Amino acid sequence: MTHSNRVVLVTGGASGIGAVLVRSYAAAGAAVGIVDRDAQAGNALAEELKGQGRQVYFSGADVADFNACRQACLLIEDALGPVDTLVNNAGISPKHDGQPQPIWRMDPAEWHRVVDVNLHSAFNFCRILAPGMVERRFGRIVSMSSVAGKAYLDIVAAHYSTTKAAIIGLTRHLAGELGPYGITVNALAPGRIDTPMVAGAPPAANEAVIATTPLRRLGKPAEVADACLFLSSEQAGFITGQVIDVAGGWLMT
């Protein structure tokens, strides 16, 4: 799936699944803009890929800050050209040493921060970039939801699952709103993916997930990236408003 002549913006692209997305799009020929708070990791990734002859630009920003997001988009489009593919990947899921964080013990500040990063960031970038896509009558938007947005999981807290459910609602609404302008809007719902954060979880937690996953393993970040590249490709031009699980059959709904 070639993405040459595409300009892709990946939020939260400095590390984890985001960095795999950036590398995958760059390998597929796209010019890639990275937005992340981690300037050290973001710049290092951009320089690494530039050394391989890729077109990559990093802009540091807090994705929850609308004005910072707008400035990041201006810098990326000035460096690479108009963004036609947006990947809303930025997200956080605070951990408390593996201890449950029920709603009656949740810090309101933590709730608001998770909503800001996981949900408001998606609004920010859609709001900023959709006008250009509408004007050009073409665009691809893929947002990261989660199986936690579709079913109860005791390994995450209410703020995370709520934001991931909201991403599904946003995706379906925008698919209807932007479809007449040639813009597709879809979401991915990853399951348990083998990232450093997941690797740091208690072994019993991952073993329990694997035991109830039909494919009997954790997912790979590259498998999430492959699904994302497909949804933003020409081959998926008639797919919109969909939420695709990348979960090995775990929590099929």
Protein backbone atom coordinates (compact mmCIF):
# COMPACT_ATOMS: atom_id res chain seq x y z
CA MET A 1 0.00 0.00 0.00
CA THR A 2 1.89 3.00 -1.27
CA HIS A 3 1.37 6.38 0.37
CA SER A 4 3.70 8.34 -1.88
CA ASN A 5 2.59 11.92 -2.52
CA ARG A 6 0.72 11.83 0.81
CA VAL A 7 1.36 14.08 3.79
CA VAL A 8 0.50 12.29 7.02
CA LEU A 9 0.28 13.78 10.51
CA VAL A 10 0.58 11.40 13.46
CA THR A 11 -0.22 12.67 16.94
CA GLY A 12 1.63 11.04 19.82
CA GLY A 13 4.10 9.84 17.20
CA ALA A 14 7.34 10.03 19.16
CA SER A 15 7.17 6.63 20.85
CA GLY A 16 5.21 3.40 21.24
CA ILE A 17 2.64 2.56 18.59
CA GLY A 18 2.88 6.15 17.34
CA ALA A 19 6.54 5.74 16.41
CA VAL A 20 5.75 2.50 14.59
CA LEU A 21 3.03 4.34 12.67
CA VAL A 22 5.50 7.07 11.70
CA ARG A 23 8.08 4.55 10.51
CA SER A 24 5.46 2.59 8.57
CA TYR A 25 4.07 5.63 6.75
CA ALA A 26 7.57 6.87 5.97
CA ALA A 27 8.53 3.45 4.58
CA ALA A 28 5.39 3.56 2.41
CA GLY A 29 6.60 6.79 0.83
CA ALA A 30 4.63 9.41 2.77
CA ALA A 31 5.95 12.66 4.13
CA VAL A 32 5.23 12.43 7.85
CA GLY A 33 4.63 15.10 10.45
CA ILE A 34 5.02 14.09 14.10
CA VAL A 35 3.34 15.94 16.96
CA ASP A 36 4.24 14.99 20.53
CA ARG A 37 5.17 16.57 23.86
CA ASP A 38 8.38 14.55 24.02
CA ALA A 39 10.73 16.75 22.03
CA GLN A 40 13.78 14.59 22.66
CA ALA A 41 12.17 11.39 21.36
CA GLY A 42 10.36 13.20 18.54
CA ASN A 43 13.44 14.94 17.23
CA ALA A 44 15.49 11.74 17.50
CA LEU A 45 12.93 9.80 15.46
CA ALA A 46 12.72 12.55 12.84
CA GLU A 47 16.50 12.71 12.49
CA GLU A 48 16.76 8.93 12.26
CA LEU A 49 14.25 8.81 9.40
CA LYS A 50 15.72 11.82 7.63
CA GLY A 51 19.03 9.93 7.67
CA GLN A 52 17.26 7.21 5.70
CA GLY A 53 16.14 9.72 3.09
CA ARG A 54 12.59 10.11 4.43
CA GLN A 55 10.62 13.34 4.60
CA VAL A 56 9.79 13.77 8.28
CA TYR A 57 9.16 16.85 10.42
CA PHE A 58 8.71 17.00 14.18
CA SER A 59 6.79 19.69 16.02
CA GLY A 60 6.57 19.61 19.79
CA ALA A 61 3.17 20.44 21.24
CA ASP A 62 0.73 19.52 23.97
CA VAL A 63 -2.04 17.91 21.91
CA ALA A 64 -4.62 19.11 24.43
CA ASP A 65 -3.79 22.76 23.67
CA PHE A 66 -5.73 23.96 20.62
CA ASN A 67 -3.45 26.88 19.83
CA ALA A 68 -0.33 24.73 20.19
CA CYS A 69 -1.90 22.17 17.85
CA ARG A 70 -2.71 24.86 15.30
CA GLN A 71 0.87 26.13 15.40
CA ALA A 72 2.21 22.58 15.00
CA CYS A 73 -0.01 22.03 11.96
CA LEU A 74 1.14 25.29 10.40
CA LEU A 75 4.78 24.30 10.83
CA ILE A 76 4.24 20.81 9.44
CA GLU A 77 2.27 22.03 6.43
CA ASP A 78 4.88 24.71 5.76
CA ALA A 79 7.60 22.03 5.80
CA LEU A 80 5.82 19.16 4.04
CA GLY A 81 2.70 20.49 2.32
CA PRO A 82 -1.03 20.18 3.04
CA VAL A 83 -1.93 17.32 5.37
CA ASP A 84 -4.29 14.87 3.72
CA THR A 85 -4.03 12.01 6.24
CA LEU A 86 -4.57 12.55 9.96
CA VAL A 87 -3.90 9.81 12.50
CA ASN A 88 -5.26 10.69 15.95
CA ASN A 89 -3.02 8.38 17.94
CA ALA A 90 -2.17 10.43 21.05
CA GLY A 91 -3.48 8.89 24.24
CA ILE A 92 -2.68 8.23 27.87
CA SER A 93 -3.85 5.67 30.42
CA PRO A 94 -2.50 6.52 33.89
CA LYS A 95 -1.26 3.60 35.93
CA HIS A 96 -1.28 3.36 39.70
CA ASP A 97 1.16 0.52 40.33
CA GLY A 98 -1.36 -1.90 38.89
CA GLN A 99 -4.00 -0.94 41.45
CA PRO A 100 -7.61 -0.31 40.35
CA GLN A 101 -8.67 3.32 40.17
CA PRO A 102 -12.45 3.29 40.71
CA ILE A 103 -14.46 6.42 40.03
CA TRP A 104 -14.92 7.15 43.76
CA ARG A 105 -11.14 7.46 44.21
CA MET A 106 -10.30 9.17 40.94
CA ASP A 107 -8.59 12.55 41.06
CA PRO A 108 -10.71 15.01 39.03
CA ALA A 109 -7.53 16.51 37.59
CA GLU A 110 -6.55 13.10 36.24
CA TRP A 111 -10.00 12.65 34.69
CA HIS A 112 -9.75 15.98 32.89
CA ARG A 113 -6.20 15.34 31.67
CA VAL A 114 -7.15 11.98 30.14
CA VAL A 115 -10.19 13.50 28.44
CA ASP A 116 -8.04 16.38 27.16
CA VAL A 117 -5.34 14.15 25.68
CA ASN A 118 -7.45 11.24 24.43
CA LEU A 119 -10.54 13.06 23.17
CA HIS A 120 -10.03 16.80 22.94
CA SER A 121 -6.82 16.29 20.94
CA ALA A 122 -8.80 14.45 18.26
CA PHE A 123 -11.22 17.38 18.08
CA ASN A 124 -8.33 19.83 17.91
CA PHE A 125 -6.66 18.24 14.91
CA CYS A 126 -9.90 17.45 13.09
CA ARG A 127 -11.04 21.04 13.58
CA ILE A 128 -7.74 22.43 12.33
CA LEU A 129 -7.18 20.12 9.36
CA ALA A 130 -10.71 19.35 8.13
CA PRO A 131 -11.19 22.71 6.38
CA GLY A 132 -8.24 22.03 4.07
CA MET A 133 -9.46 18.51 3.37
CA VAL A 134 -12.94 19.85 2.58
CA GLU A 135 -11.49 22.45 0.24
CA ARG A 136 -9.39 19.83 -1.59
CA ARG A 137 -12.25 17.31 -1.58
CA PHE A 138 -10.01 14.57 -0.22
CA GLY A 139 -8.84 13.33 3.16
CA ARG A 140 -8.29 10.36 5.43
CA ILE A 141 -8.80 10.42 9.20
CA VAL A 142 -8.03 7.41 11.38
CA SER A 143 -8.42 7.65 15.16
CA MET A 144 -7.29 5.24 17.85
CA SER A 145 -10.12 3.90 19.94
CA SER A 146 -9.77 0.66 21.92
CA VAL A 147 -11.72 -2.48 22.72
CA ALA A 148 -12.07 -0.74 26.10
CA GLY A 149 -14.39 1.70 24.36
CA LYS A 150 -16.73 -1.15 23.46
CA ALA A 151 -16.68 -3.42 26.51
CA TYR A 152 -15.91 -3.29 30.23
CA LEU A 153 -12.27 -3.97 31.11
CA ASP A 154 -11.16 -3.99 34.72
CA ILE A 155 -7.56 -3.29 33.66
CA VAL A 156 -8.38 0.30 32.66
CA ALA A 157 -10.22 3.09 34.44
CA ALA A 158 -13.40 4.96 33.58
CA HIS A 159 -11.68 7.97 32.04
CA TYR A 160 -9.82 5.84 29.49
CA SER A 161 -12.78 3.71 28.45
CA THR A 162 -15.04 6.77 28.25
CA THR A 163 -12.69 8.62 25.92
CA LYS A 164 -12.25 5.58 23.70
CA ALA A 165 -16.03 5.15 23.43
CA ALA A 166 -16.31 8.85 22.57
CA ILE A 167 -13.77 8.41 19.76
CA ILE A 168 -16.15 5.88 18.21
CA GLY A 169 -19.02 8.37 18.35
CA LEU A 170 -16.84 11.14 16.90
CA THR A 171 -15.70 8.84 14.10
CA ARG A 172 -19.20 7.90 13.05
CA HIS A 173 -20.48 11.46 13.16
CA LEU A 174 -17.57 12.85 11.17
CA ALA A 175 -17.87 10.08 8.60
CA GLY A 176 -21.36 11.34 7.83
CA GLU A 177 -20.42 14.99 8.01
CA LEU A 178 -17.27 14.78 5.88
CA GLY A 179 -18.20 11.98 3.49
CA PRO A 180 -19.76 14.29 0.87
CA TYR A 181 -16.35 15.97 0.54
CA GLY A 182 -14.45 12.77 -0.28
CA ILE A 183 -13.08 12.34 3.24
CA THR A 184 -13.18 8.95 4.96
CA VAL A 185 -13.17 8.72 8.75
CA ASN A 186 -12.52 5.44 10.55
CA ALA A 187 -11.21 4.16 13.86
CA LEU A 188 -9.11 1.28 15.10
CA ALA A 189 -9.85 -0.56 18.34
CA PRO A 190 -6.64 -2.29 19.41
CA GLY A 191 -6.71 -4.97 22.04
CA ARG A 192 -3.71 -5.91 24.19
CA ILE A 193 -0.69 -4.84 22.14
CA ASP A 194 2.88 -5.79 23.08
CA THR A 195 4.27 -2.36 23.94
CA PRO A 196 6.70 -1.39 26.73
CA MET A 197 3.73 -0.19 28.81
CA VAL A 198 1.98 -3.55 28.48
CA ALA A 199 5.22 -5.45 29.05
CA GLY A 200 5.51 -3.66 32.38
CA ALA A 201 2.13 -4.93 33.55
CA PRO A 202 1.92 -7.82 36.02
CA PRO A 203 2.51 -11.07 34.05
CA ALA A 204 -0.78 -12.49 35.31
CA ALA A 205 -2.70 -9.64 33.65
CA ASN A 206 -1.23 -10.34 30.22
CA GLU A 207 -1.57 -14.10 30.65
CA ALA A 208 -5.27 -13.69 31.43
CA VAL A 209 -5.78 -11.68 28.24
CA ILE A 210 -3.86 -14.18 26.13
CA ALA A 211 -5.92 -17.05 27.56
CA THR A 212 -9.16 -15.39 26.43
CA THR A 213 -7.87 -14.22 23.03
CA PRO A 214 -8.67 -16.67 20.21
CA LEU A 215 -5.27 -16.12 18.58
CA ARG A 216 -3.62 -16.79 21.97
CA ARG A 217 -1.07 -13.99 21.89
CA LEU A 218 -0.61 -10.26 22.30
CA GLY A 219 -0.81 -8.06 19.23
CA LYS A 220 2.19 -6.42 17.60
CA PRO A 221 2.44 -2.65 17.11
CA ALA A 222 3.19 -3.27 13.43
CA GLU A 223 -0.17 -5.00 13.08
CA VAL A 224 -1.93 -1.86 14.31
CA ALA A 225 0.13 0.20 11.87
CA ASP A 226 -0.74 -2.13 8.97
CA ALA A 227 -4.46 -1.71 9.67
CA CYS A 228 -4.03 2.06 9.90
CA LEU A 229 -2.17 2.23 6.58
CA PHE A 230 -4.93 0.19 4.96
CA LEU A 231 -7.73 2.43 6.22
CA SER A 232 -5.91 5.50 4.90
CA SER A 233 -5.03 3.92 1.56
CA GLU A 234 -6.68 4.18 -1.85
CA GLN A 235 -7.78 0.56 -1.43
CA ALA A 236 -10.03 1.59 1.47
CA GLY A 237 -11.62 4.48 -0.39
CA PHE A 238 -15.16 3.12 0.08
CA ILE A 239 -14.78 2.33 3.79
CA THR A 240 -15.90 5.00 6.24
CA GLY A 241 -17.54 5.24 9.64
CA GLN A 242 -16.09 1.89 10.69
CA VAL A 243 -14.36 0.71 13.85
CA ILE A 244 -11.95 -2.13 13.13
CA ASP A 245 -10.77 -4.31 16.00
CA VAL A 246 -7.08 -5.22 16.00
CA ALA A 247 -7.41 -7.56 18.95
CA GLY A 248 -6.92 -11.16 17.85
CA GLY A 249 -10.60 -11.85 18.46
CA TRP A 250 -10.47 -10.69 22.09
CA LEU A 251 -13.80 -9.23 23.29
CA MET A 252 -15.56 -9.73 19.98
CA THR A 253 -18.69 -7.55 19.89
